[in-house]
Amino acid sequence: MLWHSPTEADGPQAYPELFWEAGLIGHVLYLQAEAAGVRGTGIGCFFDDAVHETLGLSNSLFQSLYHFTIGSPKTDDRLQTLPPYQHLDRS
């Protein structure tokens, strides 16, 4: 095989750097989404076995580490936005 996954080459200790890199890319996507007038959200916690099954991945050559969605926001009037620390007595 010409290509080896980072975890095959470096073992489990490769995961912290892979997650760091995925997060870095996610932050760039957040900024680019805002600059384009849309919103984004990253999802770093999910059931990766189910994702691999859905995508037909049978080994760790491609590892799902981070998901990101981009789109227009939909306001949910059931949610409140309050100023930070509004619950503290300011007197």
PDB file of N, CA and C in Angstrom:
ATOM      1  N   MET A   1       0.849  -1.172   0.000  1.00  0.00           N
ATOM      2  CA  MET A   1       0.000   0.000   0.000  1.00  0.00           C
ATOM      3  C   MET A   1       0.901   1.243   0.000  1.00  0.00           C
ATOM      4  N   LEU A   2       0.588   2.176  -0.853  1.00  0.00           N
ATOM      5  CA  LEU A   2       1.390   3.392  -0.947  1.00  0.00           C
ATOM      6  C   LEU A   2       1.077   4.385   0.156  1.00  0.00           C
ATOM      7  N   TRP A   3      -0.128   4.356   0.650  1.00  0.00           N
ATOM      8  CA  TRP A   3      -0.566   5.329   1.653  1.00  0.00           C
ATOM      9  C   TRP A   3      -0.828   4.618   2.972  1.00  0.00           C
ATOM     10  N   HIS A   4      -0.319   5.193   4.040  1.00  0.00           N
ATOM     11  CA  HIS A   4      -0.593   4.664   5.377  1.00  0.00           C
ATOM     12  C   HIS A   4      -1.286   5.745   6.182  1.00  0.00           C
ATOM     13  N   SER A   5      -2.300   5.358   6.924  1.00  0.00           N
ATOM     14  CA  SER A   5      -2.985   6.326   7.773  1.00  0.00           C
ATOM     15  C   SER A   5      -2.037   6.753   8.880  1.00  0.00           C
ATOM     16  N   PRO A   6      -2.207   7.967   9.422  1.00  0.00           N
ATOM     17  CA  PRO A   6      -1.343   8.424  10.516  1.00  0.00           C
ATOM     18  C   PRO A   6      -1.352   7.481  11.710  1.00  0.00           C
ATOM     19  N   THR A   7      -2.497   6.852  11.970  1.00  0.00           N
ATOM     20  CA  THR A   7      -2.543   5.944  13.120  1.00  0.00           C
ATOM     21  C   THR A   7      -1.784   4.654  12.836  1.00  0.00           C
ATOM     22  N   GLU A   8      -1.712   4.242  11.576  1.00  0.00           N
ATOM     23  CA  GLU A   8      -0.899   3.075  11.241  1.00  0.00           C
ATOM     24  C   GLU A   8       0.584   3.401  11.347  1.00  0.00           C
ATOM     25  N   ALA A   9       0.957   4.595  10.914  1.00  0.00           N
ATOM     26  CA  ALA A   9       2.360   4.991  10.933  1.00  0.00           C
ATOM     27  C   ALA A   9       2.848   5.339  12.333  1.00  0.00           C
ATOM     28  N   ASP A  10       2.022   6.068  13.106  1.00  0.00           N
ATOM     29  CA  ASP A  10       2.452   6.587  14.405  1.00  0.00           C
ATOM     30  C   ASP A  10       1.739   5.959  15.589  1.00  0.00           C
ATOM     31  N   GLY A  11       0.713   5.164  15.340  1.00  0.00           N
ATOM     32  CA  GLY A  11      -0.025   4.544  16.429  1.00  0.00           C
ATOM     33  C   GLY A  11      -1.034   5.504  17.037  1.00  0.00           C
ATOM     34  N   PRO A  12      -1.643   5.094  18.153  1.00  0.00           N
ATOM     35  CA  PRO A  12      -2.704   5.888  18.784  1.00  0.00           C
ATOM     36  C   PRO A  12      -2.263   7.286  19.210  1.00  0.00           C
ATOM     37  N   GLN A  13      -0.983   7.495  19.439  1.00  0.00           N
ATOM     38  CA  GLN A  13      -0.523   8.826  19.851  1.00  0.00           C
ATOM     39  C   GLN A  13      -0.701   9.866  18.746  1.00  0.00           C
ATOM     40  N   ALA A  14      -1.070   9.438  17.539  1.00  0.00           N
ATOM     41  CA  ALA A  14      -1.327  10.381  16.442  1.00  0.00           C
ATOM     42  C   ALA A  14      -2.651  11.104  16.615  1.00  0.00           C
ATOM     43  N   TYR A  15      -3.585  10.529  17.384  1.00  0.00           N
ATOM     44  CA  TYR A  15      -4.922  11.114  17.498  1.00  0.00           C
ATOM     45  C   TYR A  15      -4.949  12.548  18.035  1.00  0.00           C
ATOM     46  N   PRO A  16      -4.221  12.898  19.099  1.00  0.00           N
ATOM     47  CA  PRO A  16      -4.293  14.291  19.564  1.00  0.00           C
ATOM     48  C   PRO A  16      -3.951  15.304  18.466  1.00  0.00           C
ATOM     49  N   GLU A  17      -2.918  15.020  17.682  1.00  0.00           N
ATOM     50  CA  GLU A  17      -2.552  15.954  16.615  1.00  0.00           C
ATOM     51  C   GLU A  17      -3.618  15.974  15.515  1.00  0.00           C
ATOM     52  N   LEU A  18      -4.185  14.816  15.198  1.00  0.00           N
ATOM     53  CA  LEU A  18      -5.241  14.769  14.180  1.00  0.00           C
ATOM     54  C   LEU A  18      -6.455  15.590  14.620  1.00  0.00           C
ATOM     55  N   PHE A  19      -6.855  15.461  15.879  1.00  0.00           N
ATOM     56  CA  PHE A  19      -7.988  16.242  16.382  1.00  0.00           C
ATOM     57  C   PHE A  19      -7.650  17.730  16.410  1.00  0.00           C
ATOM     58  N   TRP A  20      -6.416  18.067  16.747  1.00  0.00           N
ATOM     59  CA  TRP A  20      -5.990  19.468  16.750  1.00  0.00           C
ATOM     60  C   TRP A  20      -6.094  20.037  15.332  1.00  0.00           C
ATOM     61  N   GLU A  21      -5.601  19.287  14.356  1.00  0.00           N
ATOM     62  CA  GLU A  21      -5.657  19.745  12.970  1.00  0.00           C
ATOM     63  C   GLU A  21      -7.104  19.871  12.477  1.00  0.00           C
ATOM     64  N   ALA A  22      -7.957  18.913  12.837  1.00  0.00           N
ATOM     65  CA  ALA A  22      -9.368  18.983  12.445  1.00  0.00           C
ATOM     66  C   ALA A  22     -10.028  20.209  13.066  1.00  0.00           C
ATOM     67  N   GLY A  23      -9.722  20.490  14.327  1.00  0.00           N
ATOM     68  CA  GLY A  23     -10.267  21.677  14.986  1.00  0.00           C
ATOM     69  C   GLY A  23      -9.789  22.955  14.343  1.00  0.00           C
ATOM     70  N   LEU A  24      -8.532  22.993  13.954  1.00  0.00           N
ATOM     71  CA  LEU A  24      -7.977  24.170  13.274  1.00  0.00           C
ATOM     72  C   LEU A  24      -8.708  24.423  11.958  1.00  0.00           C
ATOM     73  N   ILE A  25      -8.918  23.380  11.192  1.00  0.00           N
ATOM     74  CA  ILE A  25      -9.670  23.516   9.937  1.00  0.00           C
ATOM     75  C   ILE A  25     -11.096  23.971  10.234  1.00  0.00           C
ATOM     76  N   GLY A  26     -11.696  23.436  11.300  1.00  0.00           N
ATOM     77  CA  GLY A  26     -13.040  23.848  11.695  1.00  0.00           C
ATOM     78  C   GLY A  26     -13.118  25.330  12.008  1.00  0.00           C
ATOM     79  N   HIS A  27     -12.118  25.874  12.705  1.00  0.00           N
ATOM     80  CA  HIS A  27     -12.117  27.306  13.016  1.00  0.00           C
ATOM     81  C   HIS A  27     -12.029  28.140  11.743  1.00  0.00           C
ATOM     82  N   VAL A  28     -11.239  27.702  10.786  1.00  0.00           N
ATOM     83  CA  VAL A  28     -11.163  28.415   9.506  1.00  0.00           C
ATOM     84  C   VAL A  28     -12.530  28.374   8.807  1.00  0.00           C
ATOM     85  N   LEU A  29     -13.205  27.223   8.878  1.00  0.00           N
ATOM     86  CA  LEU A  29     -14.531  27.120   8.262  1.00  0.00           C
ATOM     87  C   LEU A  29     -15.538  28.047   8.941  1.00  0.00           C
ATOM     88  N   TYR A  30     -15.468  28.171  10.275  1.00  0.00           N
ATOM     89  CA  TYR A  30     -16.342  29.122  10.986  1.00  0.00           C
ATOM     90  C   TYR A  30     -16.130  30.529  10.444  1.00  0.00           C
ATOM     91  N   LEU A  31     -14.883  30.954  10.342  1.00  0.00           N
ATOM     92  CA  LEU A  31     -14.577  32.305   9.873  1.00  0.00           C
ATOM     93  C   LEU A  31     -15.020  32.511   8.427  1.00  0.00           C
ATOM     94  N   GLN A  32     -14.774  31.526   7.577  1.00  0.00           N
ATOM     95  CA  GLN A  32     -15.152  31.654   6.173  1.00  0.00           C
ATOM     96  C   GLN A  32     -16.674  31.675   6.004  1.00  0.00           C
ATOM     97  N   ALA A  33     -17.381  30.900   6.810  1.00  0.00           N
ATOM     98  CA  ALA A  33     -18.845  30.906   6.739  1.00  0.00           C
ATOM     99  C   ALA A  33     -19.380  32.283   7.115  1.00  0.00           C
ATOM    100  N   GLU A  34     -18.885  32.843   8.202  1.00  0.00           N
ATOM    101  CA  GLU A  34     -19.328  34.185   8.620  1.00  0.00           C
ATOM    102  C   GLU A  34     -18.997  35.215   7.550  1.00  0.00           C
ATOM    103  N   ALA A  35     -17.812  35.119   6.961  1.00  0.00           N
ATOM    104  CA  ALA A  35     -17.415  36.067   5.915  1.00  0.00           C
ATOM    105  C   ALA A  35     -18.313  35.946   4.687  1.00  0.00           C
ATOM    106  N   ALA A  36     -18.853  34.752   4.446  1.00  0.00           N
ATOM    107  CA  ALA A  36     -19.732  34.528   3.296  1.00  0.00           C
ATOM    108  C   ALA A  36     -21.192  34.851   3.619  1.00  0.00           C
ATOM    109  N   GLY A  37     -21.463  35.263   4.865  1.00  0.00           N
ATOM    110  CA  GLY A  37     -22.825  35.643   5.236  1.00  0.00           C
ATOM    111  C   GLY A  37     -23.706  34.485   5.658  1.00  0.00           C
ATOM    112  N   VAL A  38     -23.109  33.348   5.961  1.00  0.00           N
ATOM    113  CA  VAL A  38     -23.865  32.199   6.455  1.00  0.00           C
ATOM    114  C   VAL A  38     -23.294  31.803   7.813  1.00  0.00           C
ATOM    115  N   ARG A  39     -23.753  30.719   8.365  1.00  0.00           N
ATOM    116  CA  ARG A  39     -23.265  30.255   9.664  1.00  0.00           C
ATOM    117  C   ARG A  39     -22.744  28.843   9.525  1.00  0.00           C
ATOM    118  N   GLY A  40     -21.951  28.452  10.487  1.00  0.00           N
ATOM    119  CA  GLY A  40     -21.429  27.095  10.504  1.00  0.00           C
ATOM    120  C   GLY A  40     -21.402  26.556  11.909  1.00  0.00           C
ATOM    121  N   THR A  41     -21.362  25.258  12.008  1.00  0.00           N
ATOM    122  CA  THR A  41     -21.193  24.627  13.311  1.00  0.00           C
ATOM    123  C   THR A  41     -20.410  23.335  13.144  1.00  0.00           C
ATOM    124  N   GLY A  42     -19.481  23.132  14.050  1.00  0.00           N
ATOM    125  CA  GLY A  42     -18.669  21.929  14.033  1.00  0.00           C
ATOM    126  C   GLY A  42     -19.208  20.907  15.005  1.00  0.00           C
ATOM    127  N   ILE A  43     -19.052  19.660  14.651  1.00  0.00           N
ATOM    128  CA  ILE A  43     -19.496  18.566  15.502  1.00  0.00           C
ATOM    129  C   ILE A  43     -18.304  17.624  15.655  1.00  0.00           C
ATOM    130  N   GLY A  44     -17.740  17.610  16.843  1.00  0.00           N
ATOM    131  CA  GLY A  44     -16.575  16.767  17.081  1.00  0.00           C
ATOM    132  C   GLY A  44     -16.888  15.542  17.897  1.00  0.00           C
ATOM    133  N   CYS A  45     -18.141  15.356  18.247  1.00  0.00           N
ATOM    134  CA  CYS A  45     -18.540  14.204  19.058  1.00  0.00           C
ATOM    135  C   CYS A  45     -19.719  13.530  18.381  1.00  0.00           C
ATOM    136  N   PHE A  46     -19.522  12.318  17.938  1.00  0.00           N
ATOM    137  CA  PHE A  46     -20.562  11.597  17.219  1.00  0.00           C
ATOM    138  C   PHE A  46     -20.228  10.115  17.283  1.00  0.00           C
ATOM    139  N   PHE A  47     -21.098   9.290  16.754  1.00  0.00           N
ATOM    140  CA  PHE A  47     -20.884   7.843  16.753  1.00  0.00           C
ATOM    141  C   PHE A  47     -20.115   7.469  15.493  1.00  0.00           C
ATOM    142  N   ASP A  48     -18.785   7.433  15.596  1.00  0.00           N
ATOM    143  CA  ASP A  48     -17.971   7.229  14.400  1.00  0.00           C
ATOM    144  C   ASP A  48     -18.157   5.861  13.764  1.00  0.00           C
ATOM    145  N   ASP A  49     -18.489   4.828  14.528  1.00  0.00           N
ATOM    146  CA  ASP A  49     -18.729   3.515  13.911  1.00  0.00           C
ATOM    147  C   ASP A  49     -19.922   3.583  12.960  1.00  0.00           C
ATOM    148  N   ALA A  50     -20.988   4.270  13.361  1.00  0.00           N
ATOM    149  CA  ALA A  50     -22.163   4.411  12.495  1.00  0.00           C
ATOM    150  C   ALA A  50     -21.822   5.232  11.255  1.00  0.00           C
ATOM    151  N   VAL A  51     -21.007   6.269  11.421  1.00  0.00           N
ATOM    152  CA  VAL A  51     -20.594   7.083  10.265  1.00  0.00           C
ATOM    153  C   VAL A  51     -19.789   6.228   9.300  1.00  0.00           C
ATOM    154  N   HIS A  52     -18.862   5.442   9.819  1.00  0.00           N
ATOM    155  CA  HIS A  52     -18.043   4.591   8.954  1.00  0.00           C
ATOM    156  C   HIS A  52     -18.914   3.569   8.216  1.00  0.00           C
ATOM    157  N   GLU A  53     -19.884   3.004   8.914  1.00  0.00           N
ATOM    158  CA  GLU A  53     -20.778   2.039   8.278  1.00  0.00           C
ATOM    159  C   GLU A  53     -21.584   2.707   7.166  1.00  0.00           C
ATOM    160  N   THR A  54     -22.123   3.904   7.440  1.00  0.00           N
ATOM    161  CA  THR A  54     -22.916   4.633   6.447  1.00  0.00           C
ATOM    162  C   THR A  54     -22.088   4.962   5.205  1.00  0.00           C
ATOM    163  N   LEU A  55     -20.820   5.346   5.412  1.00  0.00           N
ATOM    164  CA  LEU A  55     -19.951   5.715   4.298  1.00  0.00           C
ATOM    165  C   LEU A  55     -19.272   4.511   3.651  1.00  0.00           C
ATOM    166  N   GLY A  56     -19.465   3.320   4.229  1.00  0.00           N
ATOM    167  CA  GLY A  56     -18.856   2.119   3.668  1.00  0.00           C
ATOM    168  C   GLY A  56     -17.367   2.006   3.943  1.00  0.00           C
ATOM    169  N   LEU A  57     -16.898   2.615   5.022  1.00  0.00           N
ATOM    170  CA  LEU A  57     -15.481   2.543   5.380  1.00  0.00           C
ATOM    171  C   LEU A  57     -15.256   1.310   6.249  1.00  0.00           C
ATOM    172  N   SER A  58     -14.334   0.443   5.833  1.00  0.00           N
ATOM    173  CA  SER A  58     -14.132  -0.804   6.565  1.00  0.00           C
ATOM    174  C   SER A  58     -12.816  -0.852   7.325  1.00  0.00           C
ATOM    175  N   ASN A  59     -11.965   0.155   7.146  1.00  0.00           N
ATOM    176  CA  ASN A  59     -10.705   0.178   7.891  1.00  0.00           C
ATOM    177  C   ASN A  59     -10.446   1.602   8.375  1.00  0.00           C
ATOM    178  N   SER A  60      -9.285   1.832   8.948  1.00  0.00           N
ATOM    179  CA  SER A  60      -8.995   3.156   9.505  1.00  0.00           C
ATOM    180  C   SER A  60      -8.181   4.036   8.556  1.00  0.00           C
ATOM    181  N   LEU A  61      -8.121   3.666   7.282  1.00  0.00           N
ATOM    182  CA  LEU A  61      -7.389   4.496   6.325  1.00  0.00           C
ATOM    183  C   LEU A  61      -7.994   5.895   6.266  1.00  0.00           C
ATOM    184  N   PHE A  62      -9.326   5.964   6.273  1.00  0.00           N
ATOM    185  CA  PHE A  62     -10.029   7.236   6.366  1.00  0.00           C
ATOM    186  C   PHE A  62     -10.762   7.239   7.694  1.00  0.00           C
ATOM    187  N   GLN A  63     -10.436   8.182   8.533  1.00  0.00           N
ATOM    188  CA  GLN A  63     -11.017   8.238   9.874  1.00  0.00           C
ATOM    189  C   GLN A  63     -11.864   9.498  10.005  1.00  0.00           C
ATOM    190  N   SER A  64     -13.105   9.336  10.369  1.00  0.00           N
ATOM    191  CA  SER A  64     -13.983  10.481  10.581  1.00  0.00           C
ATOM    192  C   SER A  64     -13.669  11.085  11.944  1.00  0.00           C
ATOM    193  N   LEU A  65     -13.193  12.342  11.947  1.00  0.00           N
ATOM    194  CA  LEU A  65     -12.786  12.995  13.189  1.00  0.00           C
ATOM    195  C   LEU A  65     -13.664  14.183  13.564  1.00  0.00           C
ATOM    196  N   TYR A  66     -14.223  14.854  12.559  1.00  0.00           N
ATOM    197  CA  TYR A  66     -14.889  16.128  12.817  1.00  0.00           C
ATOM    198  C   TYR A  66     -15.869  16.378  11.681  1.00  0.00           C
ATOM    199  N   HIS A  67     -17.063  16.760  12.002  1.00  0.00           N
ATOM    200  CA  HIS A  67     -18.060  17.090  10.983  1.00  0.00           C
ATOM    201  C   HIS A  67     -18.350  18.578  11.064  1.00  0.00           C
ATOM    202  N   PHE A  68     -18.729  19.171   9.951  1.00  0.00           N
ATOM    203  CA  PHE A  68     -19.007  20.598   9.916  1.00  0.00           C
ATOM    204  C   PHE A  68     -20.165  20.850   8.969  1.00  0.00           C
ATOM    205  N   THR A  69     -21.105  21.670   9.396  1.00  0.00           N
ATOM    206  CA  THR A  69     -22.218  22.045   8.527  1.00  0.00           C
ATOM    207  C   THR A  69     -22.220  23.549   8.314  1.00  0.00           C
ATOM    208  N   ILE A  70     -22.666  23.962   7.151  1.00  0.00           N
ATOM    209  CA  ILE A  70     -22.744  25.386   6.803  1.00  0.00           C
ATOM    210  C   ILE A  70     -24.127  25.643   6.215  1.00  0.00           C
ATOM    211  N   GLY A  71     -24.733  26.758   6.625  1.00  0.00           N
ATOM    212  CA  GLY A  71     -26.038  27.117   6.075  1.00  0.00           C
ATOM    213  C   GLY A  71     -26.554  28.399   6.677  1.00  0.00           C
ATOM    214  N   SER A  72     -27.753  28.741   6.304  1.00  0.00           N
ATOM    215  CA  SER A  72     -28.405  29.939   6.836  1.00  0.00           C
ATOM    216  C   SER A  72     -29.064  29.603   8.166  1.00  0.00           C
ATOM    217  N   PRO A  73     -28.979  30.512   9.136  1.00  0.00           N
ATOM    218  CA  PRO A  73     -29.586  30.223  10.443  1.00  0.00           C
ATOM    219  C   PRO A  73     -31.106  30.291  10.384  1.00  0.00           C
ATOM    220  N   LYS A  74     -31.742  29.509  11.206  1.00  0.00           N
ATOM    221  CA  LYS A  74     -33.199  29.564  11.372  1.00  0.00           C
ATOM    222  C   LYS A  74     -33.454  29.913  12.828  1.00  0.00           C
ATOM    223  N   THR A  75     -34.095  31.032  13.053  1.00  0.00           N
ATOM    224  CA  THR A  75     -34.350  31.499  14.411  1.00  0.00           C
ATOM    225  C   THR A  75     -35.414  30.643  15.068  1.00  0.00           C
ATOM    226  N   ASP A  76     -35.136  30.211  16.277  1.00  0.00           N
ATOM    227  CA  ASP A  76     -36.091  29.431  17.067  1.00  0.00           C
ATOM    228  C   ASP A  76     -36.566  30.329  18.206  1.00  0.00           C
ATOM    229  N   ASP A  77     -37.795  30.811  18.115  1.00  0.00           N
ATOM    230  CA  ASP A  77     -38.322  31.749  19.106  1.00  0.00           C
ATOM    231  C   ASP A  77     -38.497  31.126  20.486  1.00  0.00           C
ATOM    232  N   ARG A  78     -38.377  29.811  20.579  1.00  0.00           N
ATOM    233  CA  ARG A  78     -38.487  29.155  21.883  1.00  0.00           C
ATOM    234  C   ARG A  78     -37.217  29.327  22.719  1.00  0.00           C
ATOM    235  N   LEU A  79     -36.126  29.732  22.087  1.00  0.00           N
ATOM    236  CA  LEU A  79     -34.858  29.890  22.788  1.00  0.00           C
ATOM    237  C   LEU A  79     -34.650  31.336  23.199  1.00  0.00           C
ATOM    238  N   GLN A  80     -33.982  31.522  24.318  1.00  0.00           N
ATOM    239  CA  GLN A  80     -33.670  32.866  24.803  1.00  0.00           C
ATOM    240  C   GLN A  80     -32.176  33.119  24.699  1.00  0.00           C
ATOM    241  N   THR A  81     -31.836  34.355  24.465  1.00  0.00           N
ATOM    242  CA  THR A  81     -30.447  34.785  24.532  1.00  0.00           C
ATOM    243  C   THR A  81     -30.369  35.848  25.606  1.00  0.00           C
ATOM    244  N   LEU A  82     -29.576  35.585  26.614  1.00  0.00           N
ATOM    245  CA  LEU A  82     -29.431  36.510  27.735  1.00  0.00           C
ATOM    246  C   LEU A  82     -27.998  37.017  27.787  1.00  0.00           C
ATOM    247  N   PRO A  83     -27.798  38.204  28.356  1.00  0.00           N
ATOM    248  CA  PRO A  83     -26.432  38.694  28.494  1.00  0.00           C
ATOM    249  C   PRO A  83     -25.648  37.800  29.463  1.00  0.00           C
ATOM    250  N   PRO A  84     -24.349  37.743  29.306  1.00  0.00           N
ATOM    251  CA  PRO A  84     -23.549  36.914  30.209  1.00  0.00           C
ATOM    252  C   PRO A  84     -23.665  37.393  31.644  1.00  0.00           C
ATOM    253  N   TYR A  85     -23.719  36.474  32.560  1.00  0.00           N
ATOM    254  CA  TYR A  85     -23.760  36.736  34.005  1.00  0.00           C
ATOM    255  C   TYR A  85     -24.988  37.546  34.416  1.00  0.00           C
ATOM    256  N   GLN A  86     -26.062  37.492  33.633  1.00  0.00           N
ATOM    257  CA  GLN A  86     -27.264  38.261  33.954  1.00  0.00           C
ATOM    258  C   GLN A  86     -27.891  37.803  35.272  1.00  0.00           C
ATOM    259  N   HIS A  87     -27.588  36.596  35.684  1.00  0.00           N
ATOM    260  CA  HIS A  87     -28.189  36.034  36.901  1.00  0.00           C
ATOM    261  C   HIS A  87     -27.497  36.549  38.179  1.00  0.00           C
ATOM    262  N   LEU A  88     -26.360  37.226  38.031  1.00  0.00           N
ATOM    263  CA  LEU A  88     -25.652  37.729  39.213  1.00  0.00           C
ATOM    264  C   LEU A  88     -26.201  39.084  39.645  1.00  0.00           C
ATOM    265  N   ASP A  89     -26.251  39.288  40.935  1.00  0.00           N
ATOM    266  CA  ASP A  89     -26.697  40.566  41.493  1.00  0.00           C
ATOM    267  C   ASP A  89     -25.586  41.590  41.272  1.00  0.00           C
ATOM    268  N   ARG A  90     -25.902  42.664  40.580  1.00  0.00           N
ATOM    269  CA  ARG A  90     -24.884  43.674  40.225  1.00  0.00           C
ATOM    270  C   ARG A  90     -24.927  44.887  41.151  1.00  0.00           C
ATOM    271  N   SER A  91     -25.632  44.784  42.281  1.00  0.00           N
ATOM    272  CA  SER A  91     -25.708  45.957  43.171  1.00  0.00           C
ATOM    273  C   SER A  91     -24.569  45.978  44.161  1.00  0.00           C
TER     274      SER A  91
END
